[in-house]
C-alpha cells in the first residue's frame, strides 16, 4: 500500500538530514532545494540516489531535473507509489526452448 504524503514527506526530510546535514527544523514542504536550502548539484544526486534506495524506485534523469523543491519531490514519490505496477514484457524464447518452438512449428501442417 502506498505511503501517505505525510509519511513520504517525513522520509524525504530524513534523507535531507542524513545526506546534507540540514537541521530538521529548517526543512519545510515549501522550501526549494537549491534556493532555500543551498543544496548543490552533487548533493542533489546524493538525495535522489537515497530516495531511489528508500522508495525502491528509479528516477529517470528527465524527471529528476524537475524535482526542485520538497513539495514536488513528495508529490512525485506519492504519484510513483500510487501508480499501478507495470507488467514486464514477455521474455523472448531463447536457447533450447527456441529450438523446440521451431521444431513444433515445422511439424505443424
Protein backbone atom coordinates (compact mmCIF):
# COMPACT_ATOMS: atom_id res chain seq x y z
CA UNK A 1 0.00 0.00 0.00
CA UNK A 2 1.39 3.43 -0.91
CA UNK A 3 2.57 5.74 1.82
CA UNK A 4 0.63 8.92 2.57
CA UNK A 5 2.09 12.27 1.51
CA UNK A 6 2.83 13.00 5.19
CA UNK A 7 4.82 9.76 5.53
CA UNK A 8 6.68 10.43 2.30
CA UNK A 9 7.46 13.98 3.49
CA UNK A 10 8.97 12.58 6.70
CA UNK A 11 11.09 10.11 4.72
CA UNK A 12 12.29 12.89 2.39
CA UNK A 13 13.08 15.12 5.38
CA UNK A 14 15.11 12.29 6.93
CA UNK A 15 17.01 11.86 3.65
CA UNK A 16 17.86 15.58 3.66
CA UNK A 17 19.07 15.40 7.26
CA UNK A 18 21.22 12.32 6.58
CA UNK A 19 22.67 13.24 3.18
CA UNK A 20 23.12 17.00 3.59
CA UNK A 21 23.24 17.55 7.33
CA UNK A 22 20.39 20.06 7.18
CA UNK A 23 18.86 20.60 10.62
CA UNK A 24 15.35 19.07 10.71
CA UNK A 25 13.78 22.34 11.89
CA UNK A 26 14.94 24.07 8.66
CA UNK A 27 13.14 21.59 6.43
CA UNK A 28 9.69 22.63 5.25
CA UNK A 29 7.43 21.32 2.48
CA UNK A 30 7.54 24.66 0.63
CA UNK A 31 11.33 25.08 0.56
CA UNK A 32 13.32 24.87 -2.65
CA UNK A 33 16.38 22.70 -2.56
CA UNK A 34 18.92 24.94 -4.26
CA UNK A 35 17.50 28.36 -3.33
CA UNK A 36 16.21 27.94 0.23
CA UNK A 37 18.35 25.04 1.43
CA UNK A 38 21.51 25.84 -0.61
CA UNK A 39 21.81 22.27 -1.91
CA UNK A 40 24.33 21.95 -4.75
CA UNK A 41 24.04 19.66 -7.77
CA UNK A 42 26.29 16.95 -6.28
CA UNK A 43 24.15 16.84 -3.15
CA UNK A 44 21.04 16.65 -5.36
CA UNK A 45 22.42 13.50 -6.96
CA UNK A 46 23.02 12.03 -3.49
CA UNK A 47 19.49 12.96 -2.36
CA UNK A 48 17.88 11.39 -5.41
CA UNK A 49 20.02 8.25 -5.07
CA UNK A 50 18.98 7.96 -1.43
CA UNK A 51 15.32 8.43 -2.43
CA UNK A 52 15.67 5.70 -5.06
CA UNK A 53 17.04 3.35 -2.40
CA UNK A 54 14.48 4.35 0.24
CA UNK A 55 11.46 4.04 -2.06
CA UNK A 56 12.87 1.20 -4.21
CA UNK A 57 12.33 3.10 -7.46
CA UNK A 58 14.34 4.54 -10.34
CA UNK A 59 14.09 8.26 -11.03
CA UNK A 60 14.80 8.95 -14.71
CA UNK A 61 17.04 11.93 -15.46
CA UNK A 62 14.21 13.66 -17.33
CA UNK A 63 12.11 13.53 -14.13
CA UNK A 64 14.98 14.42 -11.79
CA UNK A 65 15.53 17.82 -13.42
CA UNK A 66 12.00 18.87 -12.37
CA UNK A 67 12.42 17.89 -8.70
CA UNK A 68 13.47 21.30 -7.42
CA UNK A 69 11.53 21.64 -4.17
CA UNK A 70 10.38 19.38 -1.38
CA UNK A 71 6.69 19.51 -2.29
CA UNK A 72 7.42 18.44 -5.88
CA UNK A 73 9.57 15.54 -4.66
CA UNK A 74 6.86 14.38 -2.23
CA UNK A 75 4.15 14.63 -4.92
CA UNK A 76 6.35 12.78 -7.42
CA UNK A 77 7.12 9.94 -5.00
CA UNK A 78 3.46 9.68 -3.99
CA UNK A 79 2.39 9.52 -7.64
CA UNK A 80 5.00 6.82 -8.40
CA UNK A 81 3.92 4.73 -5.42
CA UNK A 82 0.23 5.11 -6.30
CA UNK A 83 0.67 4.10 -9.93
CA UNK A 84 -0.29 0.55 -10.87
CA UNK A 85 2.70 -1.74 -11.40
CA UNK A 86 3.93 -2.05 -14.95
CA UNK A 87 3.85 -5.60 -16.26
CA UNK A 88 7.15 -6.90 -17.55
CA UNK A 89 7.21 -7.58 -21.29
CA UNK A 90 7.15 -11.26 -22.22
CA UNK A 91 10.62 -12.72 -22.45
CA UNK A 92 11.75 -13.92 -25.86
CA UNK A 93 12.07 -17.62 -26.46
CA UNK A 94 15.78 -18.46 -26.41
CA UNK A 95 18.16 -21.38 -26.25
CA UNK A 96 16.73 -24.89 -26.21
CA UNK A 97 13.18 -23.53 -25.93
CA UNK A 98 13.67 -21.66 -29.20
CA UNK A 99 14.76 -24.87 -30.89
CA UNK A 100 11.67 -26.68 -29.54
CA UNK A 101 9.45 -23.83 -30.82
CA UNK A 102 10.97 -24.08 -34.32
CA UNK A 103 10.56 -27.87 -34.35
CA UNK A 104 6.94 -27.64 -33.16
CA UNK A 105 6.09 -25.02 -35.83
CA UNK A 106 7.80 -27.06 -38.55
CA UNK A 107 5.87 -30.19 -37.58
CA UNK A 108 2.53 -28.40 -37.67
CA UNK A 109 0.80 -28.88 -41.08
